[in-house]
Amino acid sequence: MINNVNKKLSSNWVTGFVDGEGCFSVYIIKDMSNKIGYSTRLQIIVSQHSRDTQLMNNVRNVLNCGYINKCSSRNAVELRIS
């Protein structure tokens, strides 16, 4: 069986994958260094089972940003982009 995970992922495939598996969050944080006293943080999170760590690394490489976070309590990995 050929391992498809190691193939270069197309940007179209990554777009569909993130659209289907990702979530987008907006955080409003108290920040007294900001003129209005608040700041915002935007974040995209894509989560998969830990067996798909290599796939998540490949997605990260295509996007050229973010970091991989291991969630041992859920046996998952997350790609987080802020």
PDB file of N, CA and C in Angstrom:
ATOM      1  N   MET A   1       0.841  -1.183   0.000  1.00  0.00           N
ATOM      2  CA  MET A   1       0.000   0.000   0.000  1.00  0.00           C
ATOM      3  C   MET A   1       0.887   1.246   0.000  1.00  0.00           C
ATOM      4  N   ILE A   2       0.575   2.202  -0.845  1.00  0.00           N
ATOM      5  CA  ILE A   2       1.355   3.441  -0.943  1.00  0.00           C
ATOM      6  C   ILE A   2       0.887   4.404   0.132  1.00  0.00           C
ATOM      7  N   ASN A   3       1.830   5.031   0.801  1.00  0.00           N
ATOM      8  CA  ASN A   3       1.513   5.996   1.853  1.00  0.00           C
ATOM      9  C   ASN A   3       1.243   7.356   1.226  1.00  0.00           C
ATOM     10  N   ASN A   4      -0.043   7.736   1.124  1.00  0.00           N
ATOM     11  CA  ASN A   4      -0.428   9.002   0.495  1.00  0.00           C
ATOM     12  C   ASN A   4      -0.128  10.210   1.367  1.00  0.00           C
ATOM     13  N   VAL A   5       0.158   9.999   2.650  1.00  0.00           N
ATOM     14  CA  VAL A   5       0.399  11.124   3.556  1.00  0.00           C
ATOM     15  C   VAL A   5       1.659  11.881   3.160  1.00  0.00           C
ATOM     16  N   ASN A   6       2.638  11.189   2.607  1.00  0.00           N
ATOM     17  CA  ASN A   6       3.908  11.827   2.288  1.00  0.00           C
ATOM     18  C   ASN A   6       3.889  12.564   0.953  1.00  0.00           C
ATOM     19  N   LYS A   7       2.802  12.455   0.183  1.00  0.00           N
ATOM     20  CA  LYS A   7       2.713  13.210  -1.062  1.00  0.00           C
ATOM     21  C   LYS A   7       2.503  14.687  -0.749  1.00  0.00           C
ATOM     22  N   LYS A   8       2.930  15.554  -1.675  1.00  0.00           N
ATOM     23  CA  LYS A   8       2.704  16.992  -1.504  1.00  0.00           C
ATOM     24  C   LYS A   8       1.210  17.268  -1.617  1.00  0.00           C
ATOM     25  N   LEU A   9       0.690  17.986  -0.650  1.00  0.00           N
ATOM     26  CA  LEU A   9      -0.727  18.313  -0.631  1.00  0.00           C
ATOM     27  C   LEU A   9      -0.969  19.569  -1.450  1.00  0.00           C
ATOM     28  N   SER A  10      -2.035  19.569  -2.250  1.00  0.00           N
ATOM     29  CA  SER A  10      -2.368  20.760  -3.032  1.00  0.00           C
ATOM     30  C   SER A  10      -3.067  21.775  -2.133  1.00  0.00           C
ATOM     31  N   SER A  11      -2.960  23.032  -2.486  1.00  0.00           N
ATOM     32  CA  SER A  11      -3.607  24.078  -1.700  1.00  0.00           C
ATOM     33  C   SER A  11      -5.131  23.915  -1.735  1.00  0.00           C
ATOM     34  N   ASN A  12      -5.681  23.421  -2.849  1.00  0.00           N
ATOM     35  CA  ASN A  12      -7.128  23.182  -2.919  1.00  0.00           C
ATOM     36  C   ASN A  12      -7.558  22.098  -1.938  1.00  0.00           C
ATOM     37  N   TRP A  13      -6.764  21.029  -1.822  1.00  0.00           N
ATOM     38  CA  TRP A  13      -7.086  19.955  -0.888  1.00  0.00           C
ATOM     39  C   TRP A  13      -7.038  20.489   0.541  1.00  0.00           C
ATOM     40  N   VAL A  14      -6.007  21.265   0.859  1.00  0.00           N
ATOM     41  CA  VAL A  14      -5.859  21.827   2.201  1.00  0.00           C
ATOM     42  C   VAL A  14      -7.037  22.751   2.521  1.00  0.00           C
ATOM     43  N   THR A  15      -7.466  23.545   1.550  1.00  0.00           N
ATOM     44  CA  THR A  15      -8.615  24.429   1.752  1.00  0.00           C
ATOM     45  C   THR A  15      -9.857  23.628   2.137  1.00  0.00           C
ATOM     46  N   GLY A  16     -10.148  22.573   1.416  1.00  0.00           N
ATOM     47  CA  GLY A  16     -11.299  21.727   1.718  1.00  0.00           C
ATOM     48  C   GLY A  16     -11.165  21.021   3.049  1.00  0.00           C
ATOM     49  N   PHE A  17      -9.966  20.558   3.362  1.00  0.00           N
ATOM     50  CA  PHE A  17      -9.712  19.857   4.626  1.00  0.00           C
ATOM     51  C   PHE A  17      -9.957  20.781   5.811  1.00  0.00           C
ATOM     52  N   VAL A  18      -9.407  21.984   5.762  1.00  0.00           N
ATOM     53  CA  VAL A  18      -9.578  22.943   6.853  1.00  0.00           C
ATOM     54  C   VAL A  18     -11.046  23.373   6.953  1.00  0.00           C
ATOM     55  N   ASP A  19     -11.696  23.545   5.816  1.00  0.00           N
ATOM     56  CA  ASP A  19     -13.114  23.911   5.816  1.00  0.00           C
ATOM     57  C   ASP A  19     -13.954  22.830   6.501  1.00  0.00           C
ATOM     58  N   GLY A  20     -13.635  21.573   6.256  1.00  0.00           N
ATOM     59  CA  GLY A  20     -14.407  20.477   6.835  1.00  0.00           C
ATOM     60  C   GLY A  20     -14.023  20.121   8.259  1.00  0.00           C
ATOM     61  N   GLU A  21     -12.758  20.249   8.599  1.00  0.00           N
ATOM     62  CA  GLU A  21     -12.259  19.770   9.893  1.00  0.00           C
ATOM     63  C   GLU A  21     -11.870  20.877  10.862  1.00  0.00           C
ATOM     64  N   GLY A  22     -11.846  22.110  10.413  1.00  0.00           N
ATOM     65  CA  GLY A  22     -11.351  23.200  11.251  1.00  0.00           C
ATOM     66  C   GLY A  22     -12.456  24.006  11.907  1.00  0.00           C
ATOM     67  N   CYS A  23     -12.057  24.804  12.880  1.00  0.00           N
ATOM     68  CA  CYS A  23     -12.979  25.762  13.483  1.00  0.00           C
ATOM     69  C   CYS A  23     -12.236  27.081  13.653  1.00  0.00           C
ATOM     70  N   PHE A  24     -12.987  28.152  13.627  1.00  0.00           N
ATOM     71  CA  PHE A  24     -12.443  29.498  13.706  1.00  0.00           C
ATOM     72  C   PHE A  24     -12.982  30.147  14.970  1.00  0.00           C
ATOM     73  N   SER A  25     -12.110  30.749  15.757  1.00  0.00           N
ATOM     74  CA  SER A  25     -12.519  31.379  17.008  1.00  0.00           C
ATOM     75  C   SER A  25     -12.032  32.817  17.065  1.00  0.00           C
ATOM     76  N   VAL A  26     -12.828  33.653  17.714  1.00  0.00           N
ATOM     77  CA  VAL A  26     -12.461  35.042  17.971  1.00  0.00           C
ATOM     78  C   VAL A  26     -12.522  35.241  19.477  1.00  0.00           C
ATOM     79  N   TYR A  27     -11.413  35.644  20.073  1.00  0.00           N
ATOM     80  CA  TYR A  27     -11.346  35.902  21.505  1.00  0.00           C
ATOM     81  C   TYR A  27     -11.226  37.402  21.733  1.00  0.00           C
ATOM     82  N   ILE A  28     -11.964  37.895  22.686  1.00  0.00           N
ATOM     83  CA  ILE A  28     -11.825  39.289  23.121  1.00  0.00           C
ATOM     84  C   ILE A  28     -11.195  39.247  24.499  1.00  0.00           C
ATOM     85  N   ILE A  29     -10.031  39.871  24.627  1.00  0.00           N
ATOM     86  CA  ILE A  29      -9.205  39.761  25.825  1.00  0.00           C
ATOM     87  C   ILE A  29      -9.008  41.146  26.428  1.00  0.00           C
ATOM     88  N   LYS A  30      -9.156  41.241  27.739  1.00  0.00           N
ATOM     89  CA  LYS A  30      -8.859  42.495  28.427  1.00  0.00           C
ATOM     90  C   LYS A  30      -7.375  42.775  28.277  1.00  0.00           C
ATOM     91  N   ASP A  31      -7.041  43.970  27.819  1.00  0.00           N
ATOM     92  CA  ASP A  31      -5.653  44.333  27.537  1.00  0.00           C
ATOM     93  C   ASP A  31      -5.479  45.820  27.810  1.00  0.00           C
ATOM     94  N   MET A  32      -4.987  46.144  28.981  1.00  0.00           N
ATOM     95  CA  MET A  32      -4.869  47.547  29.385  1.00  0.00           C
ATOM     96  C   MET A  32      -3.788  48.286  28.599  1.00  0.00           C
ATOM     97  N   SER A  33      -2.931  47.578  27.884  1.00  0.00           N
ATOM     98  CA  SER A  33      -1.933  48.256  27.056  1.00  0.00           C
ATOM     99  C   SER A  33      -2.547  48.775  25.758  1.00  0.00           C
ATOM    100  N   ASN A  34      -3.749  48.328  25.458  1.00  0.00           N
ATOM    101  CA  ASN A  34      -4.465  48.781  24.270  1.00  0.00           C
ATOM    102  C   ASN A  34      -5.309  50.006  24.626  1.00  0.00           C
ATOM    103  N   LYS A  35      -5.441  50.924  23.713  1.00  0.00           N
ATOM    104  CA  LYS A  35      -6.148  52.186  23.953  1.00  0.00           C
ATOM    105  C   LYS A  35      -7.578  51.977  24.447  1.00  0.00           C
ATOM    106  N   ILE A  36      -8.288  50.989  23.912  1.00  0.00           N
ATOM    107  CA  ILE A  36      -9.681  50.758  24.320  1.00  0.00           C
ATOM    108  C   ILE A  36      -9.808  49.744  25.459  1.00  0.00           C
ATOM    109  N   GLY A  37      -8.693  49.184  25.912  1.00  0.00           N
ATOM    110  CA  GLY A  37      -8.694  48.266  27.043  1.00  0.00           C
ATOM    111  C   GLY A  37      -8.936  46.813  26.685  1.00  0.00           C
ATOM    112  N   TYR A  38      -9.083  46.519  25.400  1.00  0.00           N
ATOM    113  CA  TYR A  38      -9.304  45.151  24.940  1.00  0.00           C
ATOM    114  C   TYR A  38      -8.496  44.900  23.683  1.00  0.00           C
ATOM    115  N   SER A  39      -8.219  43.632  23.425  1.00  0.00           N
ATOM    116  CA  SER A  39      -7.613  43.238  22.161  1.00  0.00           C
ATOM    117  C   SER A  39      -8.328  41.979  21.679  1.00  0.00           C
ATOM    118  N   THR A  40      -8.131  41.657  20.423  1.00  0.00           N
ATOM    119  CA  THR A  40      -8.753  40.461  19.863  1.00  0.00           C
ATOM    120  C   THR A  40      -7.679  39.467  19.455  1.00  0.00           C
ATOM    121  N   ARG A  41      -8.072  38.208  19.468  1.00  0.00           N
ATOM    122  CA  ARG A  41      -7.186  37.141  19.024  1.00  0.00           C
ATOM    123  C   ARG A  41      -8.006  36.238  18.116  1.00  0.00           C
ATOM    124  N   LEU A  42      -7.545  36.049  16.903  1.00  0.00           N
ATOM    125  CA  LEU A  42      -8.204  35.186  15.937  1.00  0.00           C
ATOM    126  C   LEU A  42      -7.428  33.882  15.853  1.00  0.00           C
ATOM    127  N   GLN A  43      -8.134  32.757  15.795  1.00  0.00           N
ATOM    128  CA  GLN A  43      -7.453  31.472  15.801  1.00  0.00           C
ATOM    129  C   GLN A  43      -8.221  30.455  14.962  1.00  0.00           C
ATOM    130  N   ILE A  44      -7.484  29.680  14.186  1.00  0.00           N
ATOM    131  CA  ILE A  44      -8.028  28.538  13.458  1.00  0.00           C
ATOM    132  C   ILE A  44      -7.419  27.289  14.080  1.00  0.00           C
ATOM    133  N   ILE A  45      -8.270  26.304  14.373  1.00  0.00           N
ATOM    134  CA  ILE A  45      -7.811  25.041  14.950  1.00  0.00           C
ATOM    135  C   ILE A  45      -8.326  23.897  14.087  1.00  0.00           C
ATOM    136  N   VAL A  46      -7.425  23.012  13.682  1.00  0.00           N
ATOM    137  CA  VAL A  46      -7.786  21.800  12.960  1.00  0.00           C
ATOM    138  C   VAL A  46      -7.321  20.642  13.820  1.00  0.00           C
ATOM    139  N   SER A  47      -8.236  19.731  14.147  1.00  0.00           N
ATOM    140  CA  SER A  47      -7.933  18.632  15.054  1.00  0.00           C
ATOM    141  C   SER A  47      -8.104  17.293  14.343  1.00  0.00           C
ATOM    142  N   GLN A  48      -7.199  16.360  14.636  1.00  0.00           N
ATOM    143  CA  GLN A  48      -7.253  15.009  14.083  1.00  0.00           C
ATOM    144  C   GLN A  48      -6.733  14.018  15.115  1.00  0.00           C
ATOM    145  N   HIS A  49      -7.014  12.734  14.904  1.00  0.00           N
ATOM    146  CA  HIS A  49      -6.492  11.676  15.767  1.00  0.00           C
ATOM    147  C   HIS A  49      -4.960  11.704  15.707  1.00  0.00           C
ATOM    148  N   SER A  50      -4.318  11.302  16.773  1.00  0.00           N
ATOM    149  CA  SER A  50      -2.853  11.368  16.840  1.00  0.00           C
ATOM    150  C   SER A  50      -2.165  10.521  15.774  1.00  0.00           C
ATOM    151  N   ARG A  51      -2.851   9.506  15.239  1.00  0.00           N
ATOM    152  CA  ARG A  51      -2.236   8.700  14.174  1.00  0.00           C
ATOM    153  C   ARG A  51      -2.016   9.529  12.898  1.00  0.00           C
ATOM    154  N   ASP A  52      -2.674  10.695  12.811  1.00  0.00           N
ATOM    155  CA  ASP A  52      -2.562  11.557  11.638  1.00  0.00           C
ATOM    156  C   ASP A  52      -1.602  12.727  11.852  1.00  0.00           C
ATOM    157  N   THR A  53      -0.649  12.555  12.754  1.00  0.00           N
ATOM    158  CA  THR A  53       0.313  13.615  13.053  1.00  0.00           C
ATOM    159  C   THR A  53       1.097  14.033  11.809  1.00  0.00           C
ATOM    160  N   GLN A  54       1.525  13.065  11.006  1.00  0.00           N
ATOM    161  CA  GLN A  54       2.292  13.399   9.797  1.00  0.00           C
ATOM    162  C   GLN A  54       1.449  14.211   8.819  1.00  0.00           C
ATOM    163  N   LEU A  55       0.180  13.861   8.681  1.00  0.00           N
ATOM    164  CA  LEU A  55      -0.717  14.630   7.831  1.00  0.00           C
ATOM    165  C   LEU A  55      -0.816  16.077   8.317  1.00  0.00           C
ATOM    166  N   MET A  56      -0.962  16.246   9.624  1.00  0.00           N
ATOM    167  CA  MET A  56      -1.068  17.602  10.178  1.00  0.00           C
ATOM    168  C   MET A  56       0.219  18.393   9.951  1.00  0.00           C
ATOM    169  N   ASN A  57       1.360  17.727  10.060  1.00  0.00           N
ATOM    170  CA  ASN A  57       2.635  18.391   9.766  1.00  0.00           C
ATOM    171  C   ASN A  57       2.709  18.804   8.294  1.00  0.00           C
ATOM    172  N   ASN A  58       2.198  17.959   7.405  1.00  0.00           N
ATOM    173  CA  ASN A  58       2.191  18.299   5.980  1.00  0.00           C
ATOM    174  C   ASN A  58       1.284  19.494   5.711  1.00  0.00           C
ATOM    175  N   VAL A  59       0.123  19.540   6.363  1.00  0.00           N
ATOM    176  CA  VAL A  59      -0.784  20.678   6.206  1.00  0.00           C
ATOM    177  C   VAL A  59      -0.096  21.944   6.709  1.00  0.00           C
ATOM    178  N   ARG A  60       0.560  21.846   7.858  1.00  0.00           N
ATOM    179  CA  ARG A  60       1.292  22.992   8.401  1.00  0.00           C
ATOM    180  C   ARG A  60       2.364  23.472   7.430  1.00  0.00           C
ATOM    181  N   ASN A  61       3.057  22.537   6.802  1.00  0.00           N
ATOM    182  CA  ASN A  61       4.108  22.897   5.846  1.00  0.00           C
ATOM    183  C   ASN A  61       3.536  23.598   4.621  1.00  0.00           C
ATOM    184  N   VAL A  62       2.372  23.160   4.137  1.00  0.00           N
ATOM    185  CA  VAL A  62       1.741  23.813   2.991  1.00  0.00           C
ATOM    186  C   VAL A  62       1.349  25.236   3.362  1.00  0.00           C
ATOM    187  N   LEU A  63       0.783  25.423   4.558  1.00  0.00           N
ATOM    188  CA  LEU A  63       0.352  26.744   4.998  1.00  0.00           C
ATOM    189  C   LEU A  63       1.518  27.623   5.444  1.00  0.00           C
ATOM    190  N   ASN A  64       2.621  26.979   5.814  1.00  0.00           N
ATOM    191  CA  ASN A  64       3.836  27.676   6.256  1.00  0.00           C
ATOM    192  C   ASN A  64       3.579  28.555   7.483  1.00  0.00           C
ATOM    193  N   CYS A  65       2.723  28.068   8.398  1.00  0.00           N
ATOM    194  CA  CYS A  65       2.468  28.787   9.638  1.00  0.00           C
ATOM    195  C   CYS A  65       1.781  27.851  10.623  1.00  0.00           C
ATOM    196  N   GLY A  66       1.683  28.295  11.856  1.00  0.00           N
ATOM    197  CA  GLY A  66       1.000  27.524  12.888  1.00  0.00           C
ATOM    198  C   GLY A  66       1.932  26.606  13.647  1.00  0.00           C
ATOM    199  N   TYR A  67       1.359  25.910  14.601  1.00  0.00           N
ATOM    200  CA  TYR A  67       2.122  24.929  15.362  1.00  0.00           C
ATOM    201  C   TYR A  67       1.226  23.740  15.691  1.00  0.00           C
ATOM    202  N   ILE A  68       1.874  22.594  15.897  1.00  0.00           N
ATOM    203  CA  ILE A  68       1.168  21.358  16.212  1.00  0.00           C
ATOM    204  C   ILE A  68       1.172  21.176  17.726  1.00  0.00           C
ATOM    205  N   ASN A  69      -0.002  20.933  18.281  1.00  0.00           N
ATOM    206  CA  ASN A  69      -0.172  20.725  19.709  1.00  0.00           C
ATOM    207  C   ASN A  69      -0.700  19.313  19.936  1.00  0.00           C
ATOM    208  N   LYS A  70      -0.037  18.532  20.793  1.00  0.00           N
ATOM    209  CA  LYS A  70      -0.497  17.178  21.102  1.00  0.00           C
ATOM    210  C   LYS A  70      -1.440  17.224  22.295  1.00  0.00           C
ATOM    211  N   CYS A  71      -2.595  16.607  22.150  1.00  0.00           N
ATOM    212  CA  CYS A  71      -3.613  16.546  23.214  1.00  0.00           C
ATOM    213  C   CYS A  71      -3.708  15.107  23.682  1.00  0.00           C
ATOM    214  N   SER A  72      -2.854  14.724  24.628  1.00  0.00           N
ATOM    215  CA  SER A  72      -2.802  13.329  25.063  1.00  0.00           C
ATOM    216  C   SER A  72      -4.098  12.876  25.729  1.00  0.00           C
ATOM    217  N   SER A  73      -4.826  13.786  26.365  1.00  0.00           N
ATOM    218  CA  SER A  73      -6.073  13.399  27.026  1.00  0.00           C
ATOM    219  C   SER A  73      -7.136  12.964  26.017  1.00  0.00           C
ATOM    220  N   ARG A  74      -7.054  13.479  24.782  1.00  0.00           N
ATOM    221  CA  ARG A  74      -8.012  13.120  23.738  1.00  0.00           C
ATOM    222  C   ARG A  74      -7.386  12.248  22.654  1.00  0.00           C
ATOM    223  N   ASN A  75      -6.101  11.921  22.793  1.00  0.00           N
ATOM    224  CA  ASN A  75      -5.371  11.145  21.795  1.00  0.00           C
ATOM    225  C   ASN A  75      -5.490  11.812  20.416  1.00  0.00           C
ATOM    226  N   ALA A  76      -5.244  13.126  20.399  1.00  0.00           N
ATOM    227  CA  ALA A  76      -5.402  13.917  19.192  1.00  0.00           C
ATOM    228  C   ALA A  76      -4.244  14.884  19.022  1.00  0.00           C
ATOM    229  N   VAL A  77      -4.138  15.425  17.829  1.00  0.00           N
ATOM    230  CA  VAL A  77      -3.198  16.508  17.538  1.00  0.00           C
ATOM    231  C   VAL A  77      -4.000  17.659  16.946  1.00  0.00           C
ATOM    232  N   GLU A  78      -3.543  18.870  17.212  1.00  0.00           N
ATOM    233  CA  GLU A  78      -4.207  20.055  16.695  1.00  0.00           C
ATOM    234  C   GLU A  78      -3.200  20.926  15.972  1.00  0.00           C
ATOM    235  N   LEU A  79      -3.615  21.467  14.876  1.00  0.00           N
ATOM    236  CA  LEU A  79      -2.862  22.514  14.196  1.00  0.00           C
ATOM    237  C   LEU A  79      -3.523  23.816  14.597  1.00  0.00           C
ATOM    238  N   ARG A  80      -2.762  24.690  15.240  1.00  0.00           N
ATOM    239  CA  ARG A  80      -3.289  25.982  15.705  1.00  0.00           C
ATOM    240  C   ARG A  80      -2.569  27.102  14.967  1.00  0.00           C
ATOM    241  N   ILE A  81      -3.379  27.998  14.427  1.00  0.00           N
ATOM    242  CA  ILE A  81      -2.858  29.177  13.740  1.00  0.00           C
ATOM    243  C   ILE A  81      -3.520  30.392  14.364  1.00  0.00           C
ATOM    244  N   SER A  82      -2.711  31.315  14.892  1.00  0.00           N
ATOM    245  CA  SER A  82      -3.231  32.537  15.521  1.00  0.00           C
ATOM    246  C   SER A  82      -2.804  33.749  14.731  1.00  0.00           C
TER     247      SER A  82
END
